[in-house]
């Protein structure tokens, strides 16, 4: 799992582009207003931290955060430039975000470059966290509780009784989580296109 420092590193200062008055008016070359650059940098950092918290590459979050704060869709080259990340990292991140239905790729008529826009919802990130992180870990924790209970009989009866009560409580929490989380997962799937 990427560390917090990685999340910060993935949100390097956005490139400001050429000076005002340049004849090149593409989004990557035009000078970004300082306020917009600050907002994009901040949103990239926020979503990088969120991705890291959910056990995913911080670069995935920084790409989404940049697109989230971009009024117009961006090309991969523009994303690479503004986040100061490698083309490979951008390519992998965009591919994963498209798979998650968090980002929409598009091409304008007559344009060869694919541009990307963020979908304005967090469900893909939450669903990914539930499916890839939380649910598998809950399954493993239940197995560990069962194994630990097997050691109770060799303990002093009073100690065994105390620990059994506490393990029973932990198992109860676990059962509640395993019941509640699939409901959240189904809710997210049923409401996927509503937000």
C-alpha atoms as a PDB file:
ATOM      1  CA  UNK A   1       0.000   0.000   0.000  1.00  0.00           C
ATOM      2  CA  UNK A   2       1.361   3.434  -0.881  1.00  0.00           C
ATOM      3  CA  UNK A   3       2.429   5.554   2.060  1.00  0.00           C
ATOM      4  CA  UNK A   4       1.109   9.037   2.775  1.00  0.00           C
ATOM      5  CA  UNK A   5       4.323  10.533   1.429  1.00  0.00           C
ATOM      6  CA  UNK A   6       3.626   8.823  -1.888  1.00  0.00           C
ATOM      7  CA  UNK A   7       0.220  10.448  -2.013  1.00  0.00           C
ATOM      8  CA  UNK A   8       1.821  13.821  -1.563  1.00  0.00           C
ATOM      9  CA  UNK A   9       4.501  13.127  -4.127  1.00  0.00           C
ATOM     10  CA  UNK A  10       1.906  12.153  -6.709  1.00  0.00           C
ATOM     11  CA  UNK A  11       0.380  15.617  -6.499  1.00  0.00           C
ATOM     12  CA  UNK A  12       3.404  17.645  -7.536  1.00  0.00           C
ATOM     13  CA  UNK A  13       2.752  21.272  -8.505  1.00  0.00           C
ATOM     14  CA  UNK A  14       0.698  21.534 -11.661  1.00  0.00           C
ATOM     15  CA  UNK A  15       2.544  22.886 -14.679  1.00  0.00           C
ATOM     16  CA  UNK A  16       1.477  26.384 -15.519  1.00  0.00           C
ATOM     17  CA  UNK A  17       2.194  26.122 -19.246  1.00  0.00           C
ATOM     18  CA  UNK A  18       3.395  28.838 -21.631  1.00  0.00           C
ATOM     19  CA  UNK A  19       3.113  32.504 -20.864  1.00  0.00           C
ATOM     20  CA  UNK A  20      -0.090  34.358 -21.696  1.00  0.00           C
ATOM     21  CA  UNK A  21      -0.236  35.441 -25.274  1.00  0.00           C
ATOM     22  CA  UNK A  22       1.080  32.180 -26.715  1.00  0.00           C
ATOM     23  CA  UNK A  23      -0.428  31.223 -30.041  1.00  0.00           C
ATOM     24  CA  UNK A  24      -0.984  27.671 -28.777  1.00  0.00           C
ATOM     25  CA  UNK A  25      -4.391  27.656 -27.077  1.00  0.00           C
ATOM     26  CA  UNK A  26      -4.581  23.969 -26.103  1.00  0.00           C
ATOM     27  CA  UNK A  27      -5.404  23.356 -22.403  1.00  0.00           C
ATOM     28  CA  UNK A  28      -1.949  21.929 -21.707  1.00  0.00           C
ATOM     29  CA  UNK A  29      -0.114  24.860 -23.256  1.00  0.00           C
ATOM     30  CA  UNK A  30      -2.321  27.725 -22.133  1.00  0.00           C
ATOM     31  CA  UNK A  31      -1.317  29.294 -18.826  1.00  0.00           C
ATOM     32  CA  UNK A  32      -3.615  28.146 -16.050  1.00  0.00           C
ATOM     33  CA  UNK A  33      -4.969  30.843 -13.747  1.00  0.00           C
ATOM     34  CA  UNK A  34      -3.273  30.528 -10.379  1.00  0.00           C
ATOM     35  CA  UNK A  35      -6.591  29.929  -8.602  1.00  0.00           C
ATOM     36  CA  UNK A  36      -7.563  27.076 -10.949  1.00  0.00           C
ATOM     37  CA  UNK A  37      -4.126  25.490 -10.624  1.00  0.00           C
ATOM     38  CA  UNK A  38      -4.396  25.684  -6.821  1.00  0.00           C
ATOM     39  CA  UNK A  39      -7.840  24.067  -6.861  1.00  0.00           C
ATOM     40  CA  UNK A  40      -6.719  21.287  -9.183  1.00  0.00           C
ATOM     41  CA  UNK A  41      -3.631  20.667  -7.059  1.00  0.00           C
ATOM     42  CA  UNK A  42      -5.731  20.584  -3.904  1.00  0.00           C
ATOM     43  CA  UNK A  43      -8.347  18.226  -5.325  1.00  0.00           C
ATOM     44  CA  UNK A  44      -5.629  15.928  -6.666  1.00  0.00           C
ATOM     45  CA  UNK A  45      -4.174  15.772  -3.149  1.00  0.00           C
ATOM     46  CA  UNK A  46      -7.533  15.146  -1.491  1.00  0.00           C
ATOM     47  CA  UNK A  47      -8.397  12.237  -3.764  1.00  0.00           C
ATOM     48  CA  UNK A  48      -4.848  10.854  -3.598  1.00  0.00           C
ATOM     49  CA  UNK A  49      -5.215  10.677   0.195  1.00  0.00           C
ATOM     50  CA  UNK A  50      -8.649   9.051  -0.179  1.00  0.00           C
ATOM     51  CA  UNK A  51      -7.336   6.423  -2.594  1.00  0.00           C
ATOM     52  CA  UNK A  52      -4.435   5.698  -0.246  1.00  0.00           C
ATOM     53  CA  UNK A  53      -6.851   5.383   2.691  1.00  0.00           C
ATOM     54  CA  UNK A  54      -8.914   2.857   0.737  1.00  0.00           C
ATOM     55  CA  UNK A  55      -5.828   0.797  -0.077  1.00  0.00           C
ATOM     56  CA  UNK A  56      -5.380   1.885  -3.688  1.00  0.00           C
ATOM     57  CA  UNK A  57      -2.540   3.677  -5.509  1.00  0.00           C
ATOM     58  CA  UNK A  58      -2.491   7.354  -4.630  1.00  0.00           C
ATOM     59  CA  UNK A  59      -1.862   8.153  -8.305  1.00  0.00           C
ATOM     60  CA  UNK A  60      -5.321   6.757  -9.065  1.00  0.00           C
ATOM     61  CA  UNK A  61      -6.834   9.338  -6.749  1.00  0.00           C
ATOM     62  CA  UNK A  62      -4.671  12.203  -7.971  1.00  0.00           C
ATOM     63  CA  UNK A  63      -5.724  11.579 -11.581  1.00  0.00           C
ATOM     64  CA  UNK A  64      -9.383  11.495 -10.600  1.00  0.00           C
ATOM     65  CA  UNK A  65      -8.997  14.607  -8.445  1.00  0.00           C
ATOM     66  CA  UNK A  66      -7.404  16.542 -11.305  1.00  0.00           C
ATOM     67  CA  UNK A  67     -10.205  15.560 -13.684  1.00  0.00           C
ATOM     68  CA  UNK A  68     -12.793  16.315 -11.007  1.00  0.00           C
ATOM     69  CA  UNK A  69     -11.476  19.892 -10.800  1.00  0.00           C
ATOM     70  CA  UNK A  70     -11.052  20.378 -14.549  1.00  0.00           C
ATOM     71  CA  UNK A  71     -13.849  22.285 -16.316  1.00  0.00           C
ATOM     72  CA  UNK A  72     -12.924  20.590 -19.617  1.00  0.00           C
ATOM     73  CA  UNK A  73     -11.876  16.988 -20.360  1.00  0.00           C
ATOM     74  CA  UNK A  74      -8.114  16.423 -20.409  1.00  0.00           C
ATOM     75  CA  UNK A  75      -5.893  14.249 -22.564  1.00  0.00           C
ATOM     76  CA  UNK A  76      -3.428  11.799 -21.061  1.00  0.00           C
ATOM     77  CA  UNK A  77      -0.531  14.065 -22.029  1.00  0.00           C
ATOM     78  CA  UNK A  78      -2.136  16.948 -20.156  1.00  0.00           C
ATOM     79  CA  UNK A  79      -2.638  14.751 -17.103  1.00  0.00           C
ATOM     80  CA  UNK A  80       0.999  13.635 -17.227  1.00  0.00           C
ATOM     81  CA  UNK A  81       2.150  17.253 -17.492  1.00  0.00           C
ATOM     82  CA  UNK A  82      -0.040  18.702 -14.770  1.00  0.00           C
ATOM     83  CA  UNK A  83       0.557  15.938 -12.209  1.00  0.00           C
ATOM     84  CA  UNK A  84       4.197  15.336 -13.148  1.00  0.00           C
ATOM     85  CA  UNK A  85       3.683  11.569 -13.360  1.00  0.00           C
ATOM     86  CA  UNK A  86       4.941   9.047 -15.901  1.00  0.00           C
ATOM     87  CA  UNK A  87       2.995   8.120 -19.011  1.00  0.00           C
ATOM     88  CA  UNK A  88       2.801   4.533 -17.760  1.00  0.00           C
ATOM     89  CA  UNK A  89       1.314   5.595 -14.426  1.00  0.00           C
ATOM     90  CA  UNK A  90      -1.222   7.822 -16.173  1.00  0.00           C
ATOM     91  CA  UNK A  91      -2.148   5.103 -18.653  1.00  0.00           C
ATOM     92  CA  UNK A  92      -2.675   2.466 -15.972  1.00  0.00           C
ATOM     93  CA  UNK A  93      -4.587   4.863 -13.752  1.00  0.00           C
ATOM     94  CA  UNK A  94      -6.903   6.016 -16.517  1.00  0.00           C
ATOM     95  CA  UNK A  95      -7.562   2.453 -17.628  1.00  0.00           C
ATOM     96  CA  UNK A  96      -8.493   1.470 -14.081  1.00  0.00           C
ATOM     97  CA  UNK A  97     -10.696   4.530 -13.589  1.00  0.00           C
ATOM     98  CA  UNK A  98     -12.530   3.778 -16.831  1.00  0.00           C
ATOM     99  CA  UNK A  99     -13.059   0.177 -15.664  1.00  0.00           C
ATOM    100  CA  UNK A 100     -14.507   1.522 -12.416  1.00  0.00           C
ATOM    101  CA  UNK A 101     -16.835   3.793 -14.377  1.00  0.00           C
ATOM    102  CA  UNK A 102     -15.321   6.746 -12.513  1.00  0.00           C
ATOM    103  CA  UNK A 103     -13.970   8.416 -15.667  1.00  0.00           C
ATOM    104  CA  UNK A 104     -15.477   8.774 -19.136  1.00  0.00           C
ATOM    105  CA  UNK A 105     -13.232   8.775 -22.236  1.00  0.00           C
ATOM    106  CA  UNK A 106     -14.333  10.649 -25.349  1.00  0.00           C
ATOM    107  CA  UNK A 107     -13.096  11.875 -28.712  1.00  0.00           C
ATOM    108  CA  UNK A 108     -14.352  14.995 -30.474  1.00  0.00           C
ATOM    109  CA  UNK A 109     -15.246  14.751 -34.149  1.00  0.00           C
ATOM    110  CA  UNK A 110     -12.083  14.643 -36.214  1.00  0.00           C
ATOM    111  CA  UNK A 111      -9.855  14.487 -33.141  1.00  0.00           C
ATOM    112  CA  UNK A 112      -7.473  11.563 -32.637  1.00  0.00           C
ATOM    113  CA  UNK A 113      -6.662  12.286 -29.006  1.00  0.00           C
ATOM    114  CA  UNK A 114      -8.793  10.676 -26.305  1.00  0.00           C
ATOM    115  CA  UNK A 115      -9.851  13.027 -23.531  1.00  0.00           C
ATOM    116  CA  UNK A 116     -11.115  12.092 -20.090  1.00  0.00           C
ATOM    117  CA  UNK A 117     -13.732  13.573 -17.780  1.00  0.00           C
ATOM    118  CA  UNK A 118     -14.568  12.578 -14.206  1.00  0.00           C
ATOM    119  CA  UNK A 119     -17.943  11.236 -13.185  1.00  0.00           C
ATOM    120  CA  UNK A 120     -19.039  13.244 -10.184  1.00  0.00           C
ATOM    121  CA  UNK A 121     -19.653  10.504  -7.643  1.00  0.00           C
ATOM    122  CA  UNK A 122     -17.676   8.430  -5.150  1.00  0.00           C
ATOM    123  CA  UNK A 123     -19.486   5.123  -5.574  1.00  0.00           C
ATOM    124  CA  UNK A 124     -16.766   3.525  -7.736  1.00  0.00           C
ATOM    125  CA  UNK A 125     -14.144   4.156  -5.047  1.00  0.00           C
ATOM    126  CA  UNK A 126     -16.397   2.902  -2.253  1.00  0.00           C
ATOM    127  CA  UNK A 127     -17.407  -0.186  -4.233  1.00  0.00           C
ATOM    128  CA  UNK A 128     -13.773  -0.953  -5.013  1.00  0.00           C
ATOM    129  CA  UNK A 129     -12.895  -0.627  -1.312  1.00  0.00           C
ATOM    130  CA  UNK A 130     -15.699  -2.970  -0.290  1.00  0.00           C
ATOM    131  CA  UNK A 131     -14.931  -5.595  -2.930  1.00  0.00           C
ATOM    132  CA  UNK A 132     -11.136  -5.569  -2.867  1.00  0.00           C
ATOM    133  CA  UNK A 133     -10.281  -4.581   0.697  1.00  0.00           C
ATOM    134  CA  UNK A 134     -12.951  -4.783   3.374  1.00  0.00           C
ATOM    135  CA  UNK A 135     -14.950  -7.904   2.435  1.00  0.00           C
ATOM    136  CA  UNK A 136     -11.878 -10.155   1.932  1.00  0.00           C
ATOM    137  CA  UNK A 137     -10.372  -8.947   5.217  1.00  0.00           C
ATOM    138  CA  UNK A 138     -13.598  -9.603   7.093  1.00  0.00           C
ATOM    139  CA  UNK A 139     -13.570 -13.144   5.744  1.00  0.00           C
ATOM    140  CA  UNK A 140     -10.019 -13.690   6.987  1.00  0.00           C
ATOM    141  CA  UNK A 141     -10.789 -12.174  10.394  1.00  0.00           C
ATOM    142  CA  UNK A 142     -13.619 -14.657  10.912  1.00  0.00           C
ATOM    143  CA  UNK A 143     -11.221 -17.528  10.227  1.00  0.00           C
ATOM    144  CA  UNK A 144      -8.751 -16.092  12.746  1.00  0.00           C
ATOM    145  CA  UNK A 145     -11.445 -15.824  15.422  1.00  0.00           C
ATOM    146  CA  UNK A 146     -12.324 -19.499  14.939  1.00  0.00           C
ATOM    147  CA  UNK A 147      -8.660 -20.486  15.247  1.00  0.00           C
ATOM    148  CA  UNK A 148      -8.182 -18.384  18.389  1.00  0.00           C
ATOM    149  CA  UNK A 149     -11.195 -19.963  20.092  1.00  0.00           C
ATOM    150  CA  UNK A 150      -9.518 -23.361  19.764  1.00  0.00           C
ATOM    151  CA  UNK A 151      -6.830 -22.202  22.209  1.00  0.00           C
ATOM    152  CA  UNK A 152      -9.259 -21.278  24.986  1.00  0.00           C
ATOM    153  CA  UNK A 153      -9.619 -24.732  26.612  1.00  0.00           C
ATOM    154  CA  UNK A 154      -5.948 -24.840  27.639  1.00  0.00           C
ATOM    155  CA  UNK A 155      -6.249 -21.628  29.654  1.00  0.00           C
ATOM    156  CA  UNK A 156      -7.277 -21.180  33.267  1.00  0.00           C
ATOM    157  CA  UNK A 157     -11.102 -21.503  33.401  1.00  0.00           C
ATOM    158  CA  UNK A 158     -11.650 -17.949  34.651  1.00  0.00           C
ATOM    159  CA  UNK A 159      -9.397 -16.512  31.963  1.00  0.00           C
ATOM    160  CA  UNK A 160     -10.960 -18.738  29.318  1.00  0.00           C
ATOM    161  CA  UNK A 161     -14.449 -17.619  30.337  1.00  0.00           C
ATOM    162  CA  UNK A 162     -13.492 -13.935  30.133  1.00  0.00           C
ATOM    163  CA  UNK A 163     -11.842 -14.294  26.727  1.00  0.00           C
ATOM    164  CA  UNK A 164     -14.704 -16.413  25.399  1.00  0.00           C
ATOM    165  CA  UNK A 165     -17.152 -13.653  26.256  1.00  0.00           C
ATOM    166  CA  UNK A 166     -14.986 -11.097  24.492  1.00  0.00           C
ATOM    167  CA  UNK A 167     -14.519 -13.292  21.437  1.00  0.00           C
ATOM    168  CA  UNK A 168     -18.259 -13.813  21.323  1.00  0.00           C
ATOM    169  CA  UNK A 169     -18.676 -10.052  21.278  1.00  0.00           C
ATOM    170  CA  UNK A 170     -16.094  -9.713  18.488  1.00  0.00           C
ATOM    171  CA  UNK A 171     -17.874 -12.435  16.513  1.00  0.00           C
ATOM    172  CA  UNK A 172     -21.146 -10.558  16.969  1.00  0.00           C
ATOM    173  CA  UNK A 173     -19.580  -7.373  15.560  1.00  0.00           C
ATOM    174  CA  UNK A 174     -18.228  -9.411  12.692  1.00  0.00           C
ATOM    175  CA  UNK A 175     -21.632 -10.928  11.873  1.00  0.00           C
ATOM    176  CA  UNK A 176     -23.216  -7.488  11.873  1.00  0.00           C
ATOM    177  CA  UNK A 177     -20.564  -6.164   9.500  1.00  0.00           C
ATOM    178  CA  UNK A 178     -20.949  -9.116   7.149  1.00  0.00           C
ATOM    179  CA  UNK A 179     -24.709  -8.545   7.116  1.00  0.00           C
ATOM    180  CA  UNK A 180     -24.551  -4.779   6.703  1.00  0.00           C
ATOM    181  CA  UNK A 181     -21.840  -4.403   4.054  1.00  0.00           C
ATOM    182  CA  UNK A 182     -23.531  -6.471   1.313  1.00  0.00           C
ATOM    183  CA  UNK A 183     -26.589  -4.278   1.767  1.00  0.00           C
ATOM    184  CA  UNK A 184     -24.415  -1.208   1.112  1.00  0.00           C
ATOM    185  CA  UNK A 185     -22.923  -2.945  -1.922  1.00  0.00           C
ATOM    186  CA  UNK A 186     -26.358  -3.698  -3.375  1.00  0.00           C
ATOM    187  CA  UNK A 187     -27.489  -0.145  -2.661  1.00  0.00           C
ATOM    188  CA  UNK A 188     -24.533   1.252  -4.558  1.00  0.00           C
ATOM    189  CA  UNK A 189     -25.216  -1.001  -7.509  1.00  0.00           C
ATOM    190  CA  UNK A 190     -28.935  -0.184  -7.587  1.00  0.00           C
ATOM    191  CA  UNK A 191     -28.228   3.560  -7.503  1.00  0.00           C
ATOM    192  CA  UNK A 192     -25.196   3.556  -9.793  1.00  0.00           C
ATOM    193  CA  UNK A 193     -26.595   5.958 -12.345  1.00  0.00           C
ATOM    194  CA  UNK A 194     -28.591   8.239 -10.049  1.00  0.00           C
ATOM    195  CA  UNK A 195     -25.925  10.560  -8.597  1.00  0.00           C
END
